[in-house]
N, C-alpha and C. Protein backbone atom coordinates (compact mmCIF):
# COMPACT_ATOMS: atom_id res chain seq x y z
N MET A 1 275.77 -91.10 149.09
CA MET A 1 275.81 -92.13 149.75
C MET A 1 276.58 -91.95 151.00
N ASN A 2 276.46 -93.33 151.68
CA ASN A 2 276.28 -93.60 153.33
C ASN A 2 277.34 -93.93 153.48
N ASP A 3 278.10 -93.20 155.11
CA ASP A 3 280.00 -93.79 154.46
C ASP A 3 279.43 -94.98 155.98
N LYS A 4 277.98 -95.78 156.47
CA LYS A 4 278.23 -97.20 157.17
C LYS A 4 278.18 -98.41 155.72
N LEU A 5 278.05 -98.00 154.54
CA LEU A 5 278.29 -98.88 153.30
C LEU A 5 279.70 -99.29 153.24
N LYS A 6 280.18 -101.05 153.26
CA LYS A 6 281.07 -101.59 152.83
C LYS A 6 281.44 -101.67 151.31
N PHE A 7 281.84 -102.12 150.72
CA PHE A 7 282.23 -102.57 149.69
C PHE A 7 282.64 -103.81 148.66
N SER A 8 282.14 -105.24 147.68
CA SER A 8 283.65 -106.30 147.74
C SER A 8 284.17 -105.37 146.81
N GLU A 9 285.19 -105.98 146.17
CA GLU A 9 285.81 -105.65 145.38
C GLU A 9 284.99 -105.86 143.47
N ASP A 10 284.12 -106.79 143.70
CA ASP A 10 283.48 -107.04 142.54
C ASP A 10 281.96 -106.70 142.76
N HIS A 11 282.31 -104.90 143.56
CA HIS A 11 281.12 -104.15 143.17
C HIS A 11 279.46 -104.35 144.01
N ILE A 12 279.72 -105.21 144.97
CA ILE A 12 278.32 -105.38 145.57
C ILE A 12 278.69 -104.63 146.91
N TRP A 13 277.60 -103.74 147.75
CA TRP A 13 277.69 -102.91 148.85
C TRP A 13 276.94 -103.36 149.76
N VAL A 14 277.21 -103.22 150.79
CA VAL A 14 276.73 -104.17 151.64
C VAL A 14 276.47 -103.07 153.67
N LYS A 15 275.12 -103.74 153.99
CA LYS A 15 274.82 -102.24 155.01
C LYS A 15 274.27 -102.98 156.33
N VAL A 16 275.27 -103.42 157.11
CA VAL A 16 274.62 -104.23 158.35
C VAL A 16 273.80 -103.53 159.62
N GLU A 17 272.77 -104.35 159.89
CA GLU A 17 271.91 -103.70 161.15
C GLU A 17 272.15 -104.72 161.70
N ARG A 18 272.65 -105.22 163.04
CA ARG A 18 272.50 -105.42 163.97
C ARG A 18 273.66 -107.09 162.89
N ASP A 19 272.42 -108.66 162.72
CA ASP A 19 273.39 -109.28 162.62
C ASP A 19 272.54 -109.92 161.29
N SER A 20 272.53 -108.38 160.27
CA SER A 20 271.73 -109.48 158.94
C SER A 20 272.43 -108.04 157.84
N ALA A 21 272.29 -107.93 157.07
CA ALA A 21 272.42 -106.89 155.81
C ALA A 21 272.06 -106.80 154.71
N THR A 22 271.77 -106.23 154.04
CA THR A 22 270.97 -105.81 152.72
C THR A 22 272.11 -105.32 151.70
N LEU A 23 272.30 -106.08 151.19
CA LEU A 23 273.10 -106.26 150.07
C LEU A 23 273.14 -105.13 148.63
N GLY A 24 273.55 -104.96 147.76
CA GLY A 24 272.83 -104.07 146.40
C GLY A 24 274.54 -104.04 145.81
N LEU A 25 273.86 -103.57 144.41
CA LEU A 25 274.86 -103.20 143.53
C LEU A 25 275.29 -102.23 143.60
N SER A 26 276.59 -101.41 143.31
CA SER A 26 277.64 -100.43 143.42
C SER A 26 276.87 -99.33 142.49
N GLY A 27 276.96 -98.07 142.70
CA GLY A 27 276.62 -96.54 142.03
C GLY A 27 277.28 -96.87 140.41
N TYR A 28 278.65 -97.45 140.83
CA TYR A 28 279.59 -97.72 139.75
C TYR A 28 279.84 -98.75 138.59
N ALA A 29 279.10 -100.02 139.64
CA ALA A 29 278.88 -101.20 138.30
C ALA A 29 277.51 -101.10 137.60
N GLN A 30 276.55 -100.34 137.68
CA GLN A 30 275.01 -99.96 137.03
C GLN A 30 275.80 -98.91 136.34
N GLU A 31 276.42 -98.70 136.23
CA GLU A 31 276.84 -97.13 135.59
C GLU A 31 278.07 -97.69 134.66
N GLU A 32 278.91 -98.73 134.80
CA GLU A 32 279.32 -99.42 134.15
C GLU A 32 278.57 -100.51 133.08
N LEU A 33 277.29 -101.26 133.73
CA LEU A 33 276.38 -101.98 132.73
C LEU A 33 275.64 -101.50 131.88
N GLY A 34 275.32 -99.77 132.13
CA GLY A 34 274.46 -99.55 131.34
C GLY A 34 273.12 -100.27 131.96
N ASP A 35 271.88 -99.94 131.18
CA ASP A 35 270.21 -100.23 131.26
C ASP A 35 270.00 -102.02 131.76
N ILE A 36 269.63 -101.98 132.98
CA ILE A 36 270.05 -103.11 133.64
C ILE A 36 268.27 -103.78 133.04
N ILE A 37 267.68 -104.85 132.09
CA ILE A 37 267.46 -105.46 131.35
C ILE A 37 266.66 -106.80 132.59
N SER A 38 267.60 -107.60 133.17
CA SER A 38 266.63 -108.46 133.70
C SER A 38 268.13 -109.03 135.02
N ILE A 39 267.48 -109.57 136.24
CA ILE A 39 267.94 -109.87 137.56
C ILE A 39 267.55 -111.34 137.93
N GLU A 40 268.54 -112.42 138.41
CA GLU A 40 268.08 -113.48 138.44
C GLU A 40 268.79 -113.73 140.36
N LEU A 41 268.12 -113.87 141.58
CA LEU A 41 268.11 -113.58 142.51
C LEU A 41 268.62 -114.79 143.25
N PRO A 42 268.98 -115.03 144.51
CA PRO A 42 268.32 -116.89 145.40
C PRO A 42 266.95 -116.22 145.75
N ALA A 43 266.80 -117.21 146.36
CA ALA A 43 264.50 -117.65 146.71
C ALA A 43 265.60 -117.68 148.23
N VAL A 44 264.62 -116.95 149.22
CA VAL A 44 264.29 -116.73 150.42
C VAL A 44 265.03 -117.80 151.17
N ASP A 45 265.53 -117.81 151.99
CA ASP A 45 266.41 -119.37 152.56
C ASP A 45 267.46 -119.63 152.55
N ASP A 46 267.67 -119.74 151.02
CA ASP A 46 269.03 -120.28 150.21
C ASP A 46 270.23 -119.41 150.96
N ARG A 47 271.10 -120.09 150.94
CA ARG A 47 272.55 -119.56 151.69
C ARG A 47 273.37 -119.34 150.50
N LEU A 48 274.51 -117.93 151.02
CA LEU A 48 274.94 -117.43 150.26
C LEU A 48 276.80 -118.20 150.96
N THR A 49 277.43 -118.15 149.69
CA THR A 49 278.73 -118.53 150.65
C THR A 49 279.86 -117.68 149.95
N LYS A 50 280.18 -116.78 150.94
CA LYS A 50 281.47 -115.69 150.35
C LYS A 50 282.59 -115.83 148.74
N GLY A 51 282.27 -115.55 148.40
CA GLY A 51 282.91 -115.12 147.05
C GLY A 51 282.48 -116.11 145.92
N GLU A 52 281.14 -117.03 146.52
CA GLU A 52 280.65 -117.63 145.39
C GLU A 52 279.79 -116.73 144.81
N PRO A 53 279.16 -117.04 143.92
CA PRO A 53 278.00 -116.64 142.41
C PRO A 53 276.91 -116.66 143.27
N PHE A 54 276.35 -116.15 143.74
CA PHE A 54 274.53 -115.75 144.23
C PHE A 54 273.50 -114.97 143.17
N GLY A 55 273.87 -114.81 141.71
CA GLY A 55 272.89 -114.54 140.76
C GLY A 55 273.53 -114.06 139.42
N GLU A 56 272.85 -113.63 138.55
CA GLU A 56 273.40 -112.65 137.39
C GLU A 56 272.19 -111.60 137.49
N ILE A 57 272.81 -110.98 136.48
CA ILE A 57 272.66 -109.50 136.33
C ILE A 57 272.89 -109.18 134.75
N GLU A 58 271.77 -108.96 134.23
CA GLU A 58 271.79 -108.75 132.57
C GLU A 58 271.60 -107.14 132.24
N SER A 59 272.11 -106.26 131.47
CA SER A 59 272.14 -105.50 130.96
C SER A 59 272.29 -105.49 129.62
N GLU A 60 272.36 -104.49 129.13
CA GLU A 60 272.31 -103.75 127.72
C GLU A 60 273.82 -104.07 126.67
N LYS A 61 274.76 -104.55 127.94
CA LYS A 61 275.86 -104.84 127.15
C LYS A 61 276.38 -106.46 127.52
N ASN A 62 276.09 -106.74 128.59
CA ASN A 62 276.16 -108.27 128.85
C ASN A 62 275.46 -109.03 130.34
N VAL A 63 276.14 -109.95 130.47
CA VAL A 63 276.31 -110.89 131.91
C VAL A 63 276.80 -111.15 132.88
N THR A 64 276.27 -110.67 133.95
CA THR A 64 277.46 -110.78 135.09
C THR A 64 277.13 -111.13 136.12
N GLU A 65 277.88 -111.93 136.75
CA GLU A 65 277.61 -112.66 137.72
C GLU A 65 277.60 -111.77 138.99
N LEU A 66 276.98 -112.30 139.83
CA LEU A 66 276.62 -111.82 141.34
C LEU A 66 277.92 -112.42 142.14
N VAL A 67 278.88 -111.73 142.84
CA VAL A 67 279.58 -113.05 143.45
C VAL A 67 279.10 -111.89 145.00
N ALA A 68 279.13 -113.19 146.22
CA ALA A 68 278.92 -112.93 147.50
C ALA A 68 279.66 -112.42 148.24
N PRO A 69 279.74 -111.21 148.97
CA PRO A 69 280.73 -110.55 149.49
C PRO A 69 280.52 -111.30 151.15
N VAL A 70 279.37 -112.34 151.75
CA VAL A 70 279.43 -112.55 152.43
C VAL A 70 279.06 -113.52 152.58
N THR A 71 279.06 -114.59 154.04
CA THR A 71 277.66 -116.02 154.12
C THR A 71 277.04 -115.73 154.76
N GLY A 72 275.81 -116.32 154.20
CA GLY A 72 274.33 -115.98 155.31
C GLY A 72 273.55 -116.59 154.53
N LYS A 73 272.71 -116.67 155.42
CA LYS A 73 271.27 -117.07 154.63
C LYS A 73 270.44 -115.96 154.44
N VAL A 74 269.29 -116.09 153.10
CA VAL A 74 268.25 -114.98 152.03
C VAL A 74 267.34 -114.66 153.08
N LEU A 75 267.74 -113.69 153.70
CA LEU A 75 265.96 -113.10 154.77
C LEU A 75 264.95 -112.89 154.02
N ASP A 76 265.16 -111.80 152.86
CA ASP A 76 264.39 -111.41 152.18
C ASP A 76 265.01 -111.10 150.32
N ILE A 77 264.40 -111.08 149.58
CA ILE A 77 264.81 -110.83 148.08
C ILE A 77 264.08 -108.94 147.80
N ASN A 78 264.17 -108.53 147.30
CA ASN A 78 263.80 -106.96 146.22
C ASN A 78 262.95 -107.57 145.37
N VAL A 79 261.11 -108.30 145.60
CA VAL A 79 260.54 -108.30 144.71
C VAL A 79 260.46 -107.72 143.82
N ASP A 80 260.36 -106.28 143.76
CA ASP A 80 260.27 -105.43 142.97
C ASP A 80 260.82 -105.48 141.77
N LEU A 81 262.26 -106.43 141.36
CA LEU A 81 263.50 -105.72 140.65
C LEU A 81 263.17 -106.95 139.84
N LYS A 82 262.13 -107.72 139.70
CA LYS A 82 261.94 -108.82 138.72
C LYS A 82 260.95 -108.13 137.70
N ASP A 83 259.98 -107.04 138.09
CA ASP A 83 259.06 -106.29 137.26
C ASP A 83 259.75 -105.37 136.90
N ILE A 84 260.89 -104.38 137.57
CA ILE A 84 261.06 -103.42 136.97
C ILE A 84 262.59 -103.59 137.70
N PRO A 85 263.97 -104.24 136.66
CA PRO A 85 265.15 -103.99 137.17
C PRO A 85 265.75 -103.19 136.97
N SER A 86 265.29 -101.30 136.30
CA SER A 86 265.50 -100.60 136.22
C SER A 86 266.12 -99.90 137.67
N LEU A 87 265.20 -99.93 138.64
CA LEU A 87 265.15 -99.43 139.56
C LEU A 87 266.88 -99.87 140.43
N ILE A 88 267.59 -100.49 140.43
CA ILE A 88 268.85 -100.90 139.85
C ILE A 88 269.67 -99.78 139.66
N ASN A 89 269.47 -99.08 138.19
CA ASN A 89 270.13 -97.96 137.95
C ASN A 89 269.75 -97.20 138.31
N GLU A 90 268.61 -97.02 138.88
CA GLU A 90 267.49 -95.40 139.53
C GLU A 90 268.39 -95.40 140.67
N ASP A 91 268.11 -96.25 141.68
CA ASP A 91 268.27 -95.91 142.80
C ASP A 91 269.59 -97.18 143.62
N PRO A 92 270.43 -97.39 143.22
CA PRO A 92 270.83 -98.70 143.40
C PRO A 92 271.57 -98.41 144.87
N TYR A 93 271.18 -97.62 145.39
CA TYR A 93 271.58 -97.40 147.02
C TYR A 93 270.48 -97.53 147.96
N GLY A 94 269.22 -97.43 147.44
CA GLY A 94 267.84 -97.18 147.83
C GLY A 94 266.93 -98.54 147.48
N ASP A 95 265.71 -98.31 146.74
CA ASP A 95 264.88 -98.84 146.16
C ASP A 95 265.73 -99.52 145.13
N GLY A 96 267.16 -100.01 144.90
CA GLY A 96 267.20 -100.51 143.78
C GLY A 96 268.57 -101.79 144.94
N TRP A 97 267.88 -102.39 146.27
CA TRP A 97 268.86 -103.16 146.97
C TRP A 97 268.13 -104.58 145.87
N LEU A 98 269.01 -105.47 146.71
CA LEU A 98 269.07 -106.73 146.08
C LEU A 98 268.80 -107.39 146.89
N LEU A 99 268.87 -107.86 148.50
CA LEU A 99 268.33 -108.59 149.27
C LEU A 99 268.98 -108.44 150.34
N GLN A 100 268.68 -109.41 151.27
CA GLN A 100 268.91 -108.88 153.09
C GLN A 100 269.70 -110.21 153.23
N VAL A 101 270.08 -110.95 154.19
CA VAL A 101 271.15 -111.92 154.91
C VAL A 101 271.63 -111.45 156.29
N VAL A 102 271.25 -112.68 156.94
CA VAL A 102 271.71 -113.34 158.01
C VAL A 102 273.12 -113.62 157.90
N LEU A 103 273.70 -112.77 158.47
CA LEU A 103 275.52 -112.61 158.79
C LEU A 103 276.25 -114.27 159.71
N GLU A 104 276.60 -114.89 158.82
CA GLU A 104 276.87 -116.55 159.47
C GLU A 104 278.31 -116.05 159.77
N GLU A 105 279.19 -115.16 159.43
CA GLU A 105 280.44 -114.98 159.21
C GLU A 105 280.30 -114.00 160.09
N PRO A 106 280.08 -112.75 160.63
CA PRO A 106 280.53 -111.90 160.61
C PRO A 106 281.83 -110.73 160.75
N SER A 107 282.97 -111.42 160.89
CA SER A 107 284.11 -111.46 160.71
C SER A 107 284.52 -111.01 159.21
N GLU A 108 283.38 -111.89 158.01
CA GLU A 108 284.13 -111.19 157.49
C GLU A 108 283.46 -109.90 156.19
N LEU A 109 283.39 -109.25 157.44
CA LEU A 109 283.29 -107.96 156.52
C LEU A 109 284.44 -106.96 157.00
N ASP A 110 285.33 -107.37 157.78
CA ASP A 110 286.52 -106.87 158.16
C ASP A 110 287.20 -106.87 156.36
N ALA A 111 287.02 -107.56 155.58
CA ALA A 111 287.47 -107.96 154.50
C ALA A 111 286.99 -106.98 153.41
N LEU A 112 286.16 -106.78 154.25
CA LEU A 112 285.67 -105.40 152.86
C LEU A 112 286.00 -104.18 152.95
N LEU A 113 285.96 -103.50 151.98
CA LEU A 113 286.39 -102.07 151.73
C LEU A 113 285.43 -101.32 152.25
N THR A 114 286.03 -99.80 152.71
CA THR A 114 285.00 -98.86 153.58
C THR A 114 284.31 -97.73 151.82
N GLN A 115 284.04 -97.06 152.12
CA GLN A 115 283.71 -96.14 150.87
C GLN A 115 285.11 -95.47 150.13
N ASP A 116 285.70 -95.24 151.20
CA ASP A 116 287.38 -94.19 150.38
C ASP A 116 288.19 -95.43 149.81
N GLU A 117 287.98 -96.43 150.25
CA GLU A 117 289.19 -97.82 149.66
C GLU A 117 288.60 -98.39 148.34
N TYR A 118 286.87 -98.34 147.92
CA TYR A 118 286.49 -98.45 146.81
C TYR A 118 286.50 -97.61 146.21
N GLU A 119 286.44 -96.46 146.32
CA GLU A 119 285.80 -95.18 145.73
C GLU A 119 287.80 -95.55 144.65
N LYS A 120 289.38 -95.43 145.57
CA LYS A 120 290.03 -95.89 144.98
C LYS A 120 290.43 -97.43 143.66
N HIS A 121 289.36 -98.14 144.39
CA HIS A 121 289.90 -99.49 143.57
C HIS A 121 289.16 -99.11 142.42
N THR A 122 287.94 -98.48 142.41
CA THR A 122 287.24 -97.87 140.95
C THR A 122 287.58 -97.07 140.08
N GLU A 123 289.02 -96.47 140.54
CA GLU A 123 289.45 -95.35 139.92
C GLU A 123 290.35 -96.39 138.99
N LYS A 124 291.28 -97.27 140.07
CA LYS A 124 292.52 -98.12 138.82
C LYS A 124 291.97 -99.04 137.57
N GLY A 125 289.99 -99.07 137.73
CA GLY A 125 289.95 -99.86 136.99
C GLY A 125 289.41 -99.11 135.49
N LYS A 126 290.01 -97.59 135.59
CA LYS A 126 289.21 -96.90 134.69
C LYS A 126 290.60 -96.07 133.91
């Protein structure tokens, strides 16, 4: 993994690059979900609001809401996931990324967990 990643308690990773961020589903979450069948993501130019749902992910086990870890406007979505949602299972921190947003409130990043904090958070859930 990458020590530059931040994590939400809702299992979304955030990688910041200047004034934008790439979001993805954590390795822990994709393992818990099992094989991912489909994903619904917002459209480019849609707005995410921290703490609000921005999509759904369906696995063999259930359907789970994706909750925004930051507020911002969608710059890009990973269109490959429409045809190959299993990319999230295969490479959650690379080819399985979900979307990119322009950060509106960079201070929201301060509330996210570091990798160590996230690992402790997921240990509690086991």
